């Protein structure tokens, strides 16, 4: 996707869809003070920069000739998401800082299956020395920042509306179930590919 506008639209659509990182961000917004939540934006930005950078420049050339690499990446992502879901289910939110922290958001984003979509489909094929790569990564960071702030704000709005009826622990366990479903979906897709 070499057109910058089409690239931004594609990135925004992928980031706007519910996923593991967005679930964590919305949970943080709902269970923490919003001013503390904005410290999570750099965690998502850095997580995607590291994962997409590695996938695009190192793994993509290898994966295009090896199907096993793609399967391994998906199993690794699903395993971490399953672990995160179990942690969220068992943890109890703290009153001020909440359970969702920088490290969780960074690792979840680093292993988010959306990074595969960005690196293998959305980003144009690039070489490390191609100057246009910097422009695309700049647009990528700006779009991530806006979408991340949006998910945090949505979570805060949900938290304000539901605080009288729903406990933070209920919201966290709901997030754990959603993330667990993402992990299960990835595991099943890998299993079905293996059967074929």
Foldseek 3Di string as FASTA:
>chain_A
DPDLVVLLVVLLVLLLDDFLLLLLLLLCLLQAPLVLSLVQLVLLLQLLCVQLVCCQAPVVVVCVVPVVSVLVLLLVLLVVLLVVLVVLLPDDFDRHNGDRDSVNSNVNNNSTCVSVCCRHPSDDRDYPPDPVVVVSSVSSSVSSSVSSSVSSNNSNVVNVVCVVPDPSSNSSNVSSVVSNVVSVVSVVVSVVVVVD
